[in-house]
C-alpha atoms as a PDB file:
ATOM      1  CA  MET A   1      65.675 238.274  67.075  1.00  0.00           C
ATOM      2  CA  GLN A   2      64.958 234.741  66.357  1.00  0.00           C
ATOM      3  CA  ARG A   3      61.396 235.561  65.609  1.00  0.00           C
ATOM      4  CA  SER A   4      62.261 238.119  63.007  1.00  0.00           C
ATOM      5  CA  HIS A   5      64.761 235.651  61.366  1.00  0.00           C
ATOM      6  CA  ARG A   6      62.094 232.906  61.284  1.00  0.00           C
ATOM      7  CA  SER A   7      59.521 235.255  59.721  1.00  0.00           C
ATOM      8  CA  LYS A   8      62.153 236.363  57.100  1.00  0.00           C
ATOM      9  CA  LEU A   9      62.863 232.735  56.232  1.00  0.00           C
ATOM     10  CA  LEU A  10      59.114 231.957  55.932  1.00  0.00           C
ATOM     11  CA  LYS A  11      58.665 235.098  53.754  1.00  0.00           C
ATOM     12  CA  ASN A  12      61.549 233.952  51.476  1.00  0.00           C
ATOM     13  CA  ARG A  13      60.119 230.367  51.307  1.00  0.00           C
ATOM     14  CA  LEU A  14      56.696 231.775  50.407  1.00  0.00           C
ATOM     15  CA  LYS A  15      58.235 233.927  47.791  1.00  0.00           C
ATOM     16  CA  ILE A  16      60.138 231.026  46.301  1.00  0.00           C
ATOM     17  CA  ILE A  17      57.048 228.800  46.376  1.00  0.00           C
ATOM     18  CA  LEU A  18      54.975 231.609  44.643  1.00  0.00           C
ATOM     19  CA  PHE A  19      57.627 232.084  42.111  1.00  0.00           C
ATOM     20  CA  VAL A  20      57.804 228.386  41.175  1.00  0.00           C
ATOM     21  CA  PHE A  21      53.973 228.256  41.056  1.00  0.00           C
ATOM     22  CA  VAL A  22      53.795 231.212  38.768  1.00  0.00           C
ATOM     23  CA  ALA A  23      56.580 229.729  36.534  1.00  0.00           C
ATOM     24  CA  VAL A  24      54.955 226.310  36.296  1.00  0.00           C
ATOM     25  CA  THR A  25      51.594 227.905  35.589  1.00  0.00           C
ATOM     26  CA  THR A  26      52.990 230.150  32.919  1.00  0.00           C
ATOM     27  CA  ILE A  27      54.796 227.242  31.151  1.00  0.00           C
ATOM     28  CA  ALA A  28      51.722 225.019  31.311  1.00  0.00           C
ATOM     29  CA  LEU A  29      49.469 227.799  29.880  1.00  0.00           C
ATOM     30  CA  THR A  30      51.921 228.433  27.085  1.00  0.00           C
ATOM     31  CA  VAL A  31      52.070 224.752  26.212  1.00  0.00           C
ATOM     32  CA  ILE A  32      48.272 224.536  26.167  1.00  0.00           C
ATOM     33  CA  ALA A  33      47.607 227.899  24.502  1.00  0.00           C
ATOM     34  CA  ARG A  34      49.882 227.265  21.347  1.00  0.00           C
ATOM     35  CA  PRO A  35      47.760 224.425  19.850  1.00  0.00           C
ATOM     36  CA  VAL A  36      44.509 226.150  20.882  1.00  0.00           C
ATOM     37  CA  ALA A  37      45.631 229.341  19.109  1.00  0.00           C
ATOM     38  CA  HIS A  38      46.715 227.287  16.095  1.00  0.00           C
ATOM     39  CA  LEU A  39      43.300 225.562  15.799  1.00  0.00           C
ATOM     40  CA  THR A  40      41.428 228.664  16.324  1.00  0.00           C
ATOM     41  CA  LEU A  41      43.367 230.508  13.560  1.00  0.00           C
ATOM     42  CA  THR A  42      43.019 227.630  11.214  1.00  0.00           C
ATOM     43  CA  ALA A  43      39.299 227.318  11.789  1.00  0.00           C
ATOM     44  CA  TRP A  44      38.825 231.023  11.394  1.00  0.00           C
ATOM     45  CA  SER A  45      40.708 231.296   8.115  1.00  0.00           C
ATOM     46  CA  ALA A  46      39.217 228.037   6.675  1.00  0.00           C
ATOM     47  CA  ARG A  47      37.019 228.509   3.580  1.00  0.00           C
ATOM     48  CA  ASP A  48      34.789 226.060   1.903  1.00  0.00           C
ATOM     49  CA  HIS A  49      36.249 225.628  -1.668  1.00  0.00           C
ATOM     50  CA  ARG A  50      34.103 222.736  -2.662  1.00  0.00           C
ATOM     51  CA  GLN A  51      32.801 222.692  -6.115  1.00  0.00           C
ATOM     52  CA  PRO A  52      29.740 220.607  -7.098  1.00  0.00           C
ATOM     53  CA  LEU A  53      30.671 217.387  -8.772  1.00  0.00           C
ATOM     54  CA  PRO A  54      29.298 216.403 -12.226  1.00  0.00           C
ATOM     55  CA  PRO A  55      26.998 213.406 -12.180  1.00  0.00           C
ATOM     56  CA  GLY A  56      28.819 210.037 -12.273  1.00  0.00           C
ATOM     57  CA  THR A  57      31.936 211.213 -10.425  1.00  0.00           C
ATOM     58  CA  VAL A  58      33.219 210.720  -6.979  1.00  0.00           C
ATOM     59  CA  ASN A  59      35.843 212.473  -4.870  1.00  0.00           C
ATOM     60  CA  ASP A  60      37.542 211.911  -1.506  1.00  0.00           C
ATOM     61  CA  ALA A  61      37.913 214.488   1.431  1.00  0.00           C
ATOM     62  CA  SER A  62      41.133 215.975   0.002  1.00  0.00           C
ATOM     63  CA  HIS A  63      39.428 216.915  -3.250  1.00  0.00           C
ATOM     64  CA  LEU A  64      42.381 215.530  -5.201  1.00  0.00           C
ATOM     65  CA  ASN A  65      40.982 212.288  -6.274  1.00  0.00           C
ATOM     66  CA  ARG A  66      38.093 213.027  -8.607  1.00  0.00           C
ATOM     67  CA  GLN A  67      37.305 210.031 -10.864  1.00  0.00           C
ATOM     68  CA  LEU A  68      34.321 208.486 -12.655  1.00  0.00           C
ATOM     69  CA  SER A  69      32.328 206.053 -10.658  1.00  0.00           C
ATOM     70  CA  LYS A  70      31.547 202.843 -12.419  1.00  0.00           C
ATOM     71  CA  LEU A  71      29.113 201.477  -9.970  1.00  0.00           C
ATOM     72  CA  ILE A  72      27.062 203.260  -7.408  1.00  0.00           C
ATOM     73  CA  VAL A  73      25.241 201.061  -4.969  1.00  0.00           C
ATOM     74  CA  SER A  74      22.475 202.309  -2.663  1.00  0.00           C
ATOM     75  CA  LEU A  75      22.901 201.662   1.030  1.00  0.00           C
ATOM     76  CA  GLU A  76      19.496 200.048   1.128  1.00  0.00           C
ATOM     77  CA  LEU A  77      20.543 197.484  -1.481  1.00  0.00           C
ATOM     78  CA  LEU A  78      23.492 196.634   0.551  1.00  0.00           C
ATOM     79  CA  ARG A  79      21.550 196.367   3.683  1.00  0.00           C
ATOM     80  CA  CYS A  80      19.084 193.929   2.029  1.00  0.00           C
ATOM     81  CA  TYR A  81      21.948 191.844   0.652  1.00  0.00           C
ATOM     82  CA  TYR A  82      23.664 191.477   4.027  1.00  0.00           C
ATOM     83  CA  SER A  83      20.465 190.804   5.853  1.00  0.00           C
ATOM     84  CA  LEU A  84      19.747 187.955   3.551  1.00  0.00           C
ATOM     85  CA  TYR A  85      23.367 186.731   3.796  1.00  0.00           C
ATOM     86  CA  LEU A  86      23.099 186.831   7.548  1.00  0.00           C
ATOM     87  CA  GLU A  87      19.795 185.003   7.410  1.00  0.00           C
ATOM     88  CA  MET A  88      21.370 182.218   5.204  1.00  0.00           C
ATOM     89  CA  LEU A  89      24.229 181.938   7.612  1.00  0.00           C
ATOM     90  CA  TYR A  90      21.885 181.559  10.566  1.00  0.00           C
ATOM     91  CA  VAL A  91      20.119 178.735   8.844  1.00  0.00           C
ATOM     92  CA  LYS A  92      23.349 176.974   8.123  1.00  0.00           C
ATOM     93  CA  VAL A  93      24.498 177.360  11.754  1.00  0.00           C
ATOM     94  CA  ARG A  94      21.122 175.972  13.030  1.00  0.00           C
ATOM     95  CA  ARG A  95      21.419 173.030  10.665  1.00  0.00           C
ATOM     96  CA  TRP A  96      25.017 172.349  11.684  1.00  0.00           C
ATOM     97  CA  ARG A  97      24.040 172.570  15.319  1.00  0.00           C
ATOM     98  CA  SER A  98      21.259 170.029  14.868  1.00  0.00           C
ATOM     99  CA  GLN A  99      23.603 167.681  13.023  1.00  0.00           C
ATOM    100  CA  LEU A 100      26.173 167.988  15.746  1.00  0.00           C
ATOM    101  CA  HIS A 101      23.514 167.388  18.306  1.00  0.00           C
ATOM    102  CA  THR A 102      22.433 164.264  16.544  1.00  0.00           C
ATOM    103  CA  ILE A 103      26.059 162.999  16.208  1.00  0.00           C
ATOM    104  CA  LEU A 104      26.716 163.548  19.907  1.00  0.00           C
ATOM    105  CA  TRP A 105      23.474 161.982  20.943  1.00  0.00           C
ATOM    106  CA  VAL A 106      24.344 158.817  18.841  1.00  0.00           C
ATOM    107  CA  MET A 107      27.765 158.763  20.455  1.00  0.00           C
ATOM    108  CA  VAL A 108      26.489 159.217  24.034  1.00  0.00           C
ATOM    109  CA  SER A 109      23.150 157.103  23.828  1.00  0.00           C
ATOM    110  CA  PRO A 110      24.786 153.687  24.375  1.00  0.00           C
ATOM    111  CA  TRP A 111      26.481 154.984  27.451  1.00  0.00           C
ATOM    112  CA  ARG A 112      23.264 156.504  28.633  1.00  0.00           C
ATOM    113  CA  SER A 113      21.175 153.340  28.130  1.00  0.00           C
ATOM    114  CA  GLY A 114      23.757 151.302  29.984  1.00  0.00           C
ATOM    115  CA  ARG A 115      23.678 153.747  32.901  1.00  0.00           C
ATOM    116  CA  ALA A 116      19.883 153.766  32.834  1.00  0.00           C
ATOM    117  CA  LYS A 117      19.886 149.884  32.989  1.00  0.00           C
ATOM    118  CA  ARG A 118      22.217 150.043  35.924  1.00  0.00           C
ATOM    119  CA  GLN A 119      20.125 152.565  37.785  1.00  0.00           C
ATOM    120  CA  ASN A 120      17.009 150.481  37.190  1.00  0.00           C
ATOM    121  CA  ARG A 121      18.657 147.359  38.621  1.00  0.00           C
ATOM    122  CA  THR A 122      19.846 149.193  41.669  1.00  0.00           C
ATOM    123  CA  SER A 123      16.461 150.790  42.230  1.00  0.00           C
ATOM    124  CA  SER A 124      14.718 147.317  41.866  1.00  0.00           C
ATOM    125  CA  GLN A 125      17.179 145.709  44.241  1.00  0.00           C
ATOM    126  CA  LYS A 126      16.382 148.263  46.869  1.00  0.00           C
ATOM    127  CA  LEU A 127      12.751 147.444  46.800  1.00  0.00           C
END
């Protein structure tokens, strides 16, 4: 009698666990499937409505901002400009570092010379 009662309880527990598992899985798949379905339908129904632009005009991605361009700069020109700018900045930094090194050397050199003299005195006294 007890054995059958236990087996019924186990079967009921397994049914409850299986039901909860199926419910959670169904909810999770529904939550995930809705955005996936929306993106799929949007991509499927999307059409390319772009029209060629007349020369001298630019437009953004929304295709709502067409305007005349006053200046069109090539990327190669910008790359050359910024490489020259970085080169000049590098030269300035190197010059500044050498000046700073000189200033620090002038500030430290009296201390270094005094220390060197003390070291020479102590080494000559040891002999």
